Full PDB file with SEQRES, HELIX, SHEET, SSBOND, CRYST1, ORIGX, SCALE, CONECT and MASTER records, all heavy atoms in Angstrom:
SEQRES   1 A   39  MET SER GLY LYS PHE PHE THR PRO HIS PRO ILE ALA MET          
SEQRES   2 A   39  GLN MET VAL LYS MET LEU PRO VAL LYS ALA ASN ALA VAL          
SEQRES   3 A   39  ILE ILE ASP PRO THR CYS GLY GLY GLY THR PHE LEU LYS          
HELIX    1 AA1 HIS A    9  VAL A   16  1                                   8    
CRYST1    1.000    1.000    1.000  90.00  90.00  90.00 P 1           1          
ORIGX1      1.000000  0.000000  0.000000        0.00000                         
ORIGX2      0.000000  1.000000  0.000000        0.00000                         
ORIGX3      0.000000  0.000000  1.000000        0.00000                         
SCALE1      1.000000  0.000000  0.000000        0.00000                         
SCALE2      0.000000  1.000000  0.000000        0.00000                         
SCALE3      0.000000  0.000000  1.000000        0.00000                         
ATOM      1  N   MET A   1      68.036  10.580  25.669  1.00  0.00           N  
ATOM      2  CA  MET A   1      68.112  11.085  26.998  1.00  0.00           C  
ATOM      3  C   MET A   1      69.339  10.684  27.751  1.00  0.00           C  
ATOM      4  O   MET A   1      69.705   9.544  27.755  1.00  0.00           O  
ATOM      5  CB  MET A   1      66.878  10.597  27.940  1.00  0.00           C  
ATOM      6  CG  MET A   1      66.828  11.382  29.311  1.00  0.00           C  
ATOM      7  SD  MET A   1      66.278  13.062  29.085  1.00  0.00           S  
ATOM      8  CE  MET A   1      66.105  13.512  30.791  1.00  0.00           C  
ATOM      9  N   SER A   2      70.174  11.627  28.184  1.00  0.00           N  
ATOM     10  CA  SER A   2      71.481  11.359  28.654  1.00  0.00           C  
ATOM     11  C   SER A   2      71.429  11.027  30.180  1.00  0.00           C  
ATOM     12  O   SER A   2      72.350  10.241  30.658  1.00  0.00           O  
ATOM     13  CB  SER A   2      72.501  12.442  28.562  1.00  0.00           C  
ATOM     14  OG  SER A   2      72.030  13.605  29.417  1.00  0.00           O  
ATOM     15  N   GLY A   3      70.435  11.246  30.943  1.00  0.00           N  
ATOM     16  CA  GLY A   3      70.343  11.114  32.237  1.00  0.00           C  
ATOM     17  C   GLY A   3      71.323  11.847  33.132  1.00  0.00           C  
ATOM     18  O   GLY A   3      71.583  11.691  34.317  1.00  0.00           O  
ATOM     19  N   LYS A   4      71.881  13.017  32.482  1.00  0.00           N  
ATOM     20  CA  LYS A   4      73.021  13.723  33.064  1.00  0.00           C  
ATOM     21  C   LYS A   4      72.509  15.120  33.485  1.00  0.00           C  
ATOM     22  O   LYS A   4      72.082  15.825  32.521  1.00  0.00           O  
ATOM     23  CB  LYS A   4      74.113  13.771  32.129  1.00  0.00           C  
ATOM     24  CG  LYS A   4      75.469  13.999  32.765  1.00  0.00           C  
ATOM     25  CD  LYS A   4      76.597  13.805  31.855  1.00  0.00           C  
ATOM     26  CE  LYS A   4      77.924  13.648  32.462  1.00  0.00           C  
ATOM     27  NZ  LYS A   4      79.049  13.520  31.570  1.00  0.00           N  
ATOM     28  N   PHE A   5      72.618  15.510  34.780  1.00  0.00           N  
ATOM     29  CA  PHE A   5      72.081  16.792  35.227  1.00  0.00           C  
ATOM     30  C   PHE A   5      73.303  17.462  36.077  1.00  0.00           C  
ATOM     31  O   PHE A   5      73.748  16.739  37.023  1.00  0.00           O  
ATOM     32  CB  PHE A   5      70.854  16.718  35.916  1.00  0.00           C  
ATOM     33  CG  PHE A   5      69.778  15.672  35.455  1.00  0.00           C  
ATOM     34  CD1 PHE A   5      69.549  14.518  36.168  1.00  0.00           C  
ATOM     35  CD2 PHE A   5      69.306  15.991  34.234  1.00  0.00           C  
ATOM     36  CE1 PHE A   5      68.529  13.716  35.589  1.00  0.00           C  
ATOM     37  CE2 PHE A   5      68.303  15.249  33.615  1.00  0.00           C  
ATOM     38  CZ  PHE A   5      67.997  13.996  34.444  1.00  0.00           C  
ATOM     39  N   PHE A   6      73.671  18.602  35.669  1.00  0.00           N  
ATOM     40  CA  PHE A   6      74.826  19.209  36.398  1.00  0.00           C  
ATOM     41  C   PHE A   6      74.456  19.552  37.863  1.00  0.00           C  
ATOM     42  O   PHE A   6      73.286  19.985  38.108  1.00  0.00           O  
ATOM     43  CB  PHE A   6      75.247  20.539  35.543  1.00  0.00           C  
ATOM     44  CG  PHE A   6      75.985  20.129  34.155  1.00  0.00           C  
ATOM     45  CD1 PHE A   6      75.294  20.497  33.134  1.00  0.00           C  
ATOM     46  CD2 PHE A   6      77.210  19.555  34.261  1.00  0.00           C  
ATOM     47  CE1 PHE A   6      75.904  19.995  31.942  1.00  0.00           C  
ATOM     48  CE2 PHE A   6      77.853  19.170  33.084  1.00  0.00           C  
ATOM     49  CZ  PHE A   6      77.196  19.443  31.939  1.00  0.00           C  
ATOM     50  N   THR A   7      75.334  19.378  38.708  1.00  0.00           N  
ATOM     51  CA  THR A   7      75.098  19.636  40.042  1.00  0.00           C  
ATOM     52  C   THR A   7      75.094  21.227  40.457  1.00  0.00           C  
ATOM     53  O   THR A   7      76.052  21.836  40.263  1.00  0.00           O  
ATOM     54  CB  THR A   7      76.268  18.963  41.012  1.00  0.00           C  
ATOM     55  OG1 THR A   7      76.408  17.637  40.463  1.00  0.00           O  
ATOM     56  CG2 THR A   7      75.837  19.036  42.397  1.00  0.00           C  
ATOM     57  N   PRO A   8      73.992  21.703  41.074  1.00  0.00           N  
ATOM     58  CA  PRO A   8      74.040  23.087  41.520  1.00  0.00           C  
ATOM     59  C   PRO A   8      75.117  23.303  42.512  1.00  0.00           C  
ATOM     60  O   PRO A   8      75.345  22.466  43.431  1.00  0.00           O  
ATOM     61  CB  PRO A   8      72.677  23.173  42.059  1.00  0.00           C  
ATOM     62  CG  PRO A   8      71.713  22.027  41.521  1.00  0.00           C  
ATOM     63  CD  PRO A   8      72.727  21.021  41.240  1.00  0.00           C  
ATOM     64  N   HIS A   9      75.712  24.393  42.504  1.00  0.00           N  
ATOM     65  CA  HIS A   9      76.909  24.760  43.300  1.00  0.00           C  
ATOM     66  C   HIS A   9      76.610  24.596  44.783  1.00  0.00           C  
ATOM     67  O   HIS A   9      77.393  24.169  45.454  1.00  0.00           O  
ATOM     68  CB  HIS A   9      77.507  26.115  42.907  1.00  0.00           C  
ATOM     69  CG  HIS A   9      78.778  26.482  43.618  1.00  0.00           C  
ATOM     70  ND1 HIS A   9      78.814  27.196  44.631  1.00  0.00           N  
ATOM     71  CD2 HIS A   9      80.035  25.879  43.314  1.00  0.00           C  
ATOM     72  CE1 HIS A   9      80.263  27.307  45.094  1.00  0.00           C  
ATOM     73  NE2 HIS A   9      80.904  26.345  44.323  1.00  0.00           N  
ATOM     74  N   PRO A  10      75.561  25.227  45.196  1.00  0.00           N  
ATOM     75  CA  PRO A  10      75.083  25.040  46.719  1.00  0.00           C  
ATOM     76  C   PRO A  10      75.105  23.657  47.236  1.00  0.00           C  
ATOM     77  O   PRO A  10      75.587  23.386  48.322  1.00  0.00           O  
ATOM     78  CB  PRO A  10      73.794  25.726  46.864  1.00  0.00           C  
ATOM     79  CG  PRO A  10      73.843  26.723  45.704  1.00  0.00           C  
ATOM     80  CD  PRO A  10      74.515  25.908  44.545  1.00  0.00           C  
ATOM     81  N   ILE A  11      74.651  22.565  46.301  1.00  0.00           N  
ATOM     82  CA  ILE A  11      74.677  21.311  46.768  1.00  0.00           C  
ATOM     83  C   ILE A  11      76.103  20.586  46.717  1.00  0.00           C  
ATOM     84  O   ILE A  11      76.495  19.909  47.678  1.00  0.00           O  
ATOM     85  CB  ILE A  11      73.777  20.375  45.912  1.00  0.00           C  
ATOM     86  CG1 ILE A  11      72.336  20.886  46.129  1.00  0.00           C  
ATOM     87  CG2 ILE A  11      73.835  18.930  46.185  1.00  0.00           C  
ATOM     88  CD1 ILE A  11      71.288  20.256  45.183  1.00  0.00           C  
ATOM     89  N   ALA A  12      76.869  21.002  45.692  1.00  0.00           N  
ATOM     90  CA  ALA A  12      78.234  20.542  45.606  1.00  0.00           C  
ATOM     91  C   ALA A  12      79.027  21.073  46.790  1.00  0.00           C  
ATOM     92  O   ALA A  12      79.830  20.284  47.344  1.00  0.00           O  
ATOM     93  CB  ALA A  12      78.824  21.123  44.280  1.00  0.00           C  
ATOM     94  N   MET A  13      78.760  22.297  47.225  1.00  0.00           N  
ATOM     95  CA  MET A  13      79.551  22.817  48.388  1.00  0.00           C  
ATOM     96  C   MET A  13      79.300  21.906  49.664  1.00  0.00           C  
ATOM     97  O   MET A  13      80.266  21.686  50.384  1.00  0.00           O  
ATOM     98  CB  MET A  13      79.045  24.264  48.708  1.00  0.00           C  
ATOM     99  CG  MET A  13      79.482  25.256  47.699  1.00  0.00           C  
ATOM    100  SD  MET A  13      78.964  26.977  48.224  1.00  0.00           S  
ATOM    101  CE  MET A  13      79.658  27.205  49.743  1.00  0.00           C  
ATOM    102  N   GLN A  14      78.112  21.537  49.934  1.00  0.00           N  
ATOM    103  CA  GLN A  14      77.859  20.740  51.070  1.00  0.00           C  
ATOM    104  C   GLN A  14      78.369  19.258  51.013  1.00  0.00           C  
ATOM    105  O   GLN A  14      78.755  18.755  51.963  1.00  0.00           O  
ATOM    106  CB  GLN A  14      76.292  20.747  51.304  1.00  0.00           C  
ATOM    107  CG  GLN A  14      75.851  22.259  51.571  1.00  0.00           C  
ATOM    108  CD  GLN A  14      76.493  23.052  52.608  1.00  0.00           C  
ATOM    109  OE1 GLN A  14      76.912  22.660  53.674  1.00  0.00           O  
ATOM    110  NE2 GLN A  14      76.728  24.361  52.166  1.00  0.00           N  
ATOM    111  N   MET A  15      78.299  18.844  49.700  1.00  0.00           N  
ATOM    112  CA  MET A  15      78.732  17.489  49.597  1.00  0.00           C  
ATOM    113  C   MET A  15      80.340  17.395  49.778  1.00  0.00           C  
ATOM    114  O   MET A  15      80.853  16.404  50.353  1.00  0.00           O  
ATOM    115  CB  MET A  15      78.487  16.919  48.153  1.00  0.00           C  
ATOM    116  CG  MET A  15      76.941  16.576  47.949  1.00  0.00           C  
ATOM    117  SD  MET A  15      76.459  16.260  46.286  1.00  0.00           S  
ATOM    118  CE  MET A  15      77.249  14.646  46.184  1.00  0.00           C  
ATOM    119  N   VAL A  16      81.120  18.370  49.368  1.00  0.00           N  
ATOM    120  CA  VAL A  16      82.473  18.484  49.574  1.00  0.00           C  
ATOM    121  C   VAL A  16      82.807  18.512  50.999  1.00  0.00           C  
ATOM    122  O   VAL A  16      83.795  17.933  51.546  1.00  0.00           O  
ATOM    123  CB  VAL A  16      83.051  19.687  48.913  1.00  0.00           C  
ATOM    124  CG1 VAL A  16      84.565  19.850  49.323  1.00  0.00           C  
ATOM    125  CG2 VAL A  16      83.023  19.327  47.288  1.00  0.00           C  
ATOM    126  N   LYS A  17      81.894  19.221  51.825  1.00  0.00           N  
ATOM    127  CA  LYS A  17      82.119  19.224  53.351  1.00  0.00           C  
ATOM    128  C   LYS A  17      81.970  17.979  53.980  1.00  0.00           C  
ATOM    129  O   LYS A  17      82.323  17.785  55.135  1.00  0.00           O  
ATOM    130  CB  LYS A  17      81.105  20.263  53.898  1.00  0.00           C  
ATOM    131  CG  LYS A  17      81.359  21.831  53.501  1.00  0.00           C  
ATOM    132  CD  LYS A  17      80.376  22.579  54.199  1.00  0.00           C  
ATOM    133  CE  LYS A  17      80.574  24.127  53.765  1.00  0.00           C  
ATOM    134  NZ  LYS A  17      79.620  25.128  54.272  1.00  0.00           N  
ATOM    135  N   MET A  18      81.427  16.890  53.314  1.00  0.00           N  
ATOM    136  CA  MET A  18      81.252  15.596  53.908  1.00  0.00           C  
ATOM    137  C   MET A  18      82.469  14.790  53.790  1.00  0.00           C  
ATOM    138  O   MET A  18      82.575  13.639  54.132  1.00  0.00           O  
ATOM    139  CB  MET A  18      80.060  14.897  53.181  1.00  0.00           C  
ATOM    140  CG  MET A  18      78.668  15.649  53.309  1.00  0.00           C  
ATOM    141  SD  MET A  18      77.359  14.769  52.438  1.00  0.00           S  
ATOM    142  CE  MET A  18      76.137  16.094  52.612  1.00  0.00           C  
ATOM    143  N   LEU A  19      83.626  15.356  53.170  1.00  0.00           N  
ATOM    144  CA  LEU A  19      84.823  14.703  53.219  1.00  0.00           C  
ATOM    145  C   LEU A  19      85.690  15.212  54.251  1.00  0.00           C  
ATOM    146  O   LEU A  19      86.049  16.393  54.346  1.00  0.00           O  
ATOM    147  CB  LEU A  19      85.557  14.989  51.746  1.00  0.00           C  
ATOM    148  CG  LEU A  19      84.722  14.617  50.485  1.00  0.00           C  
ATOM    149  CD1 LEU A  19      85.583  15.091  49.307  1.00  0.00           C  
ATOM    150  CD2 LEU A  19      84.375  13.182  50.463  1.00  0.00           C  
ATOM    151  N   PRO A  20      86.314  14.315  55.146  1.00  0.00           N  
ATOM    152  CA  PRO A  20      87.223  14.714  56.034  1.00  0.00           C  
ATOM    153  C   PRO A  20      88.489  15.253  55.412  1.00  0.00           C  
ATOM    154  O   PRO A  20      89.121  14.651  54.540  1.00  0.00           O  
ATOM    155  CB  PRO A  20      87.530  13.470  56.847  1.00  0.00           C  
ATOM    156  CG  PRO A  20      86.350  12.641  56.696  1.00  0.00           C  
ATOM    157  CD  PRO A  20      85.881  12.873  55.234  1.00  0.00           C  
ATOM    158  N   VAL A  21      88.856  16.483  55.797  1.00  0.00           N  
ATOM    159  CA  VAL A  21      90.057  17.131  55.232  1.00  0.00           C  
ATOM    160  C   VAL A  21      91.385  16.504  55.696  1.00  0.00           C  
ATOM    161  O   VAL A  21      91.507  16.341  56.922  1.00  0.00           O  
ATOM    162  CB  VAL A  21      90.087  18.658  55.435  1.00  0.00           C  
ATOM    163  CG1 VAL A  21      91.413  19.222  54.888  1.00  0.00           C  
ATOM    164  CG2 VAL A  21      88.926  19.353  54.986  1.00  0.00           C  
ATOM    165  N   LYS A  22      92.289  16.038  54.670  1.00  0.00           N  
ATOM    166  CA  LYS A  22      93.506  15.528  55.110  1.00  0.00           C  
ATOM    167  C   LYS A  22      94.486  15.689  54.040  1.00  0.00           C  
ATOM    168  O   LYS A  22      94.172  15.866  52.878  1.00  0.00           O  
ATOM    169  CB  LYS A  22      93.340  13.991  55.410  1.00  0.00           C  
ATOM    170  CG  LYS A  22      92.973  13.000  54.258  1.00  0.00           C  
ATOM    171  CD  LYS A  22      93.164  11.670  54.633  1.00  0.00           C  
ATOM    172  CE  LYS A  22      92.747  10.709  53.456  1.00  0.00           C  
ATOM    173  NZ  LYS A  22      92.860   9.257  53.822  1.00  0.00           N  
ATOM    174  N   ALA A  23      95.768  15.917  54.392  1.00  0.00           N  
ATOM    175  CA  ALA A  23      96.713  16.307  53.449  1.00  0.00           C  
ATOM    176  C   ALA A  23      96.973  15.121  52.568  1.00  0.00           C  
ATOM    177  O   ALA A  23      97.001  13.912  52.867  1.00  0.00           O  
ATOM    178  CB  ALA A  23      97.989  16.655  54.132  1.00  0.00           C  
ATOM    179  N   ASN A  24      97.227  15.391  51.192  1.00  0.00           N  
ATOM    180  CA  ASN A  24      97.656  14.524  50.179  1.00  0.00           C  
ATOM    181  C   ASN A  24      96.566  13.541  49.854  1.00  0.00           C  
ATOM    182  O   ASN A  24      96.871  12.347  49.354  1.00  0.00           O  
ATOM    183  CB  ASN A  24      98.875  13.728  50.631  1.00  0.00           C  
ATOM    184  CG  ASN A  24     100.020  14.526  50.828  1.00  0.00           C  
ATOM    185  OD1 ASN A  24     100.326  15.485  50.047  1.00  0.00           O  
ATOM    186  ND2 ASN A  24     100.737  14.413  52.026  1.00  0.00           N  
ATOM    187  N   ALA A  25      95.364  13.876  50.130  1.00  0.00           N  
ATOM    188  CA  ALA A  25      94.172  12.821  49.673  1.00  0.00           C  
ATOM    189  C   ALA A  25      94.160  13.011  48.104  1.00  0.00           C  
ATOM    190  O   ALA A  25      94.417  13.774  47.451  1.00  0.00           O  
ATOM    191  CB  ALA A  25      92.916  13.454  50.132  1.00  0.00           C  
ATOM    192  N   VAL A  26      93.830  11.702  47.625  1.00  0.00           N  
ATOM    193  CA  VAL A  26      93.516  11.553  46.191  1.00  0.00           C  
ATOM    194  C   VAL A  26      91.962  11.574  46.018  1.00  0.00           C  
ATOM    195  O   VAL A  26      91.196  10.767  46.510  1.00  0.00           O  
ATOM    196  CB  VAL A  26      94.128  10.177  45.671  1.00  0.00           C  
ATOM    197  CG1 VAL A  26      93.855  10.107  44.127  1.00  0.00           C  
ATOM    198  CG2 VAL A  26      95.598  10.099  46.146  1.00  0.00           C  
ATOM    199  N   ILE A  27      91.521  12.431  45.252  1.00  0.00           N  
ATOM    200  CA  ILE A  27      90.008  12.620  45.085  1.00  0.00           C  
ATOM    201  C   ILE A  27      89.644  12.496  43.626  1.00  0.00           C  
ATOM    202  O   ILE A  27      90.233  13.279  42.748  1.00  0.00           O  
ATOM    203  CB  ILE A  27      89.579  14.059  45.582  1.00  0.00           C  
ATOM    204  CG1 ILE A  27      89.956  14.100  47.075  1.00  0.00           C  
ATOM    205  CG2 ILE A  27      88.128  14.237  45.550  1.00  0.00           C  
ATOM    206  CD1 ILE A  27      89.871  15.589  47.590  1.00  0.00           C  
ATOM    207  N   ILE A  28      88.697  11.830  43.350  1.00  0.00           N  
ATOM    208  CA  ILE A  28      88.288  11.758  41.839  1.00  0.00           C  
ATOM    209  C   ILE A  28      86.689  11.918  41.723  1.00  0.00           C  
ATOM    210  O   ILE A  28      85.967  11.724  42.614  1.00  0.00           O  
ATOM    211  CB  ILE A  28      88.460  10.331  41.220  1.00  0.00           C  
ATOM    212  CG1 ILE A  28      88.339  10.234  39.820  1.00  0.00           C  
ATOM    213  CG2 ILE A  28      87.819   9.186  42.014  1.00  0.00           C  
ATOM    214  CD1 ILE A  28      88.830   8.900  39.133  1.00  0.00           C  
ATOM    215  N   ASP A  29      86.428  12.631  40.630  1.00  0.00           N  
ATOM    216  CA  ASP A  29      84.995  12.724  40.161  1.00  0.00           C  
ATOM    217  C   ASP A  29      85.059  11.955  38.836  1.00  0.00           C  
ATOM    218  O   ASP A  29      85.539  12.438  37.749  1.00  0.00           O  
ATOM    219  CB  ASP A  29      84.669  14.127  39.932  1.00  0.00           C  
ATOM    220  CG  ASP A  29      83.178  14.295  39.439  1.00  0.00           C  
ATOM    221  OD1 ASP A  29      82.577  13.274  39.033  1.00  0.00           O  
ATOM    222  OD2 ASP A  29      82.618  15.476  39.418  1.00  0.00           O  
ATOM    223  N   PRO A  30      84.536  10.745  38.858  1.00  0.00           N  
ATOM    224  CA  PRO A  30      84.547   9.939  37.655  1.00  0.00           C  
ATOM    225  C   PRO A  30      83.627  10.394  36.445  1.00  0.00           C  
ATOM    226  O   PRO A  30      83.710   9.832  35.350  1.00  0.00           O  
ATOM    227  CB  PRO A  30      84.172   8.515  38.109  1.00  0.00           C  
ATOM    228  CG  PRO A  30      83.263   8.832  39.306  1.00  0.00           C  
ATOM    229  CD  PRO A  30      83.939  10.081  39.898  1.00  0.00           C  
ATOM    230  N   THR A  31      82.605  11.299  36.786  1.00  0.00           N  
ATOM    231  CA  THR A  31      81.760  11.918  35.831  1.00  0.00           C  
ATOM    232  C   THR A  31      81.668  13.453  35.885  1.00  0.00           C  
ATOM    233  O   THR A  31      80.716  14.037  36.406  1.00  0.00           O  
ATOM    234  CB  THR A  31      80.312  11.312  35.978  1.00  0.00           C  
ATOM    235  OG1 THR A  31      79.887  11.428  37.236  1.00  0.00           O  
ATOM    236  CG2 THR A  31      80.265   9.834  35.581  1.00  0.00           C  
ATOM    237  N   CYS A  32      82.878  14.122  35.715  1.00  0.00           N  
ATOM    238  CA  CYS A  32      82.981  15.477  36.211  1.00  0.00           C  
ATOM    239  C   CYS A  32      82.468  16.462  35.530  1.00  0.00           C  
ATOM    240  O   CYS A  32      82.296  17.559  36.168  1.00  0.00           O  
ATOM    241  CB  CYS A  32      84.624  15.671  36.371  1.00  0.00           C  
ATOM    242  SG  CYS A  32      85.305  15.840  34.670  1.00  0.00           S  
ATOM    243  N   GLY A  33      81.805  16.250  34.395  1.00  0.00           N  
ATOM    244  CA  GLY A  33      81.072  17.338  33.753  1.00  0.00           C  
ATOM    245  C   GLY A  33      81.963  18.593  33.501  1.00  0.00           C  
ATOM    246  O   GLY A  33      83.038  18.543  33.016  1.00  0.00           O  
ATOM    247  N   GLY A  34      81.419  19.720  34.082  1.00  0.00           N  
ATOM    248  CA  GLY A  34      82.223  21.030  33.985  1.00  0.00           C  
ATOM    249  C   GLY A  34      83.181  21.174  35.175  1.00  0.00           C  
ATOM    250  O   GLY A  34      83.708  22.278  35.309  1.00  0.00           O  
ATOM    251  N   GLY A  35      83.414  20.154  36.110  1.00  0.00           N  
ATOM    252  CA  GLY A  35      84.479  20.246  37.094  1.00  0.00           C  
ATOM    253  C   GLY A  35      83.882  20.925  38.356  1.00  0.00           C  
ATOM    254  O   GLY A  35      84.721  21.389  39.195  1.00  0.00           O  
ATOM    255  N   THR A  36      82.697  21.014  38.591  1.00  0.00           N  
ATOM    256  CA  THR A  36      82.088  21.617  39.736  1.00  0.00           C  
ATOM    257  C   THR A  36      82.621  21.155  41.027  1.00  0.00           C  
ATOM    258  O   THR A  36      83.055  21.955  42.044  1.00  0.00           O  
ATOM    259  CB  THR A  36      80.590  21.571  39.728  1.00  0.00           C  
ATOM    260  OG1 THR A  36      80.042  22.198  38.629  1.00  0.00           O  
ATOM    261  CG2 THR A  36      79.884  22.282  41.057  1.00  0.00           C  
ATOM    262  N   PHE A  37      82.664  19.758  41.262  1.00  0.00           N  
ATOM    263  CA  PHE A  37      83.091  19.201  42.529  1.00  0.00           C  
ATOM    264  C   PHE A  37      84.582  19.589  42.767  1.00  0.00           C  
ATOM    265  O   PHE A  37      84.976  19.783  43.778  1.00  0.00           O  
ATOM    266  CB  PHE A  37      82.822  17.661  42.492  1.00  0.00           C  
ATOM    267  CG  PHE A  37      81.454  17.274  42.748  1.00  0.00           C  
ATOM    268  CD1 PHE A  37      80.729  16.388  41.936  1.00  0.00           C  
ATOM    269  CD2 PHE A  37      80.779  17.816  43.899  1.00  0.00           C  
ATOM    270  CE1 PHE A  37      79.484  15.962  42.231  1.00  0.00           C  
ATOM    271  CE2 PHE A  37      79.426  17.304  44.168  1.00  0.00           C  
ATOM    272  CZ  PHE A  37      78.773  16.389  43.394  1.00  0.00           C  
ATOM    273  N   LEU A  38      85.413  19.443  41.707  1.00  0.00           N  
ATOM    274  CA  LEU A  38      86.811  19.560  41.970  1.00  0.00           C  
ATOM    275  C   LEU A  38      87.028  21.051  42.224  1.00  0.00           C  
ATOM    276  O   LEU A  38      87.965  21.315  43.077  1.00  0.00           O  
ATOM    277  CB  LEU A  38      87.496  19.090  40.522  1.00  0.00           C  
ATOM    278  CG  LEU A  38      87.343  17.664  40.300  1.00  0.00           C  
ATOM    279  CD1 LEU A  38      87.984  17.260  38.870  1.00  0.00           C  
ATOM    280  CD2 LEU A  38      87.775  16.638  41.300  1.00  0.00           C  
ATOM    281  N   LYS A  39      86.508  21.750  41.494  1.00  0.00           N  
ATOM    282  CA  LYS A  39      86.601  23.432  41.735  1.00  0.00           C  
ATOM    283  C   LYS A  39      86.165  23.665  43.158  1.00  0.00           C  
ATOM    284  O   LYS A  39      86.853  24.470  43.834  1.00  0.00           O  
ATOM    285  CB  LYS A  39      85.776  24.146  40.710  1.00  0.00           C  
ATOM    286  CG  LYS A  39      85.679  25.620  41.039  1.00  0.00           C  
ATOM    287  CD  LYS A  39      84.827  26.263  39.954  1.00  0.00           C  
ATOM    288  CE  LYS A  39      84.701  27.864  40.226  1.00  0.00           C  
ATOM    289  NZ  LYS A  39      83.862  28.029  41.455  1.00  0.00           N  
TER     290      LYS A  39                                                      
MASTER        0    0    0    1    0    0    0    6  289    1    0    3          
END                                                                             
């Protein structure tokens, strides 16, 4: 069992909104899977 479940896009959308937008921010997803958060 990997314990790994991909994030549904509607949830990822709202989680990204919890980041204050600022220029030149450095953002990492350390367990990025298929890149949903970064996309």
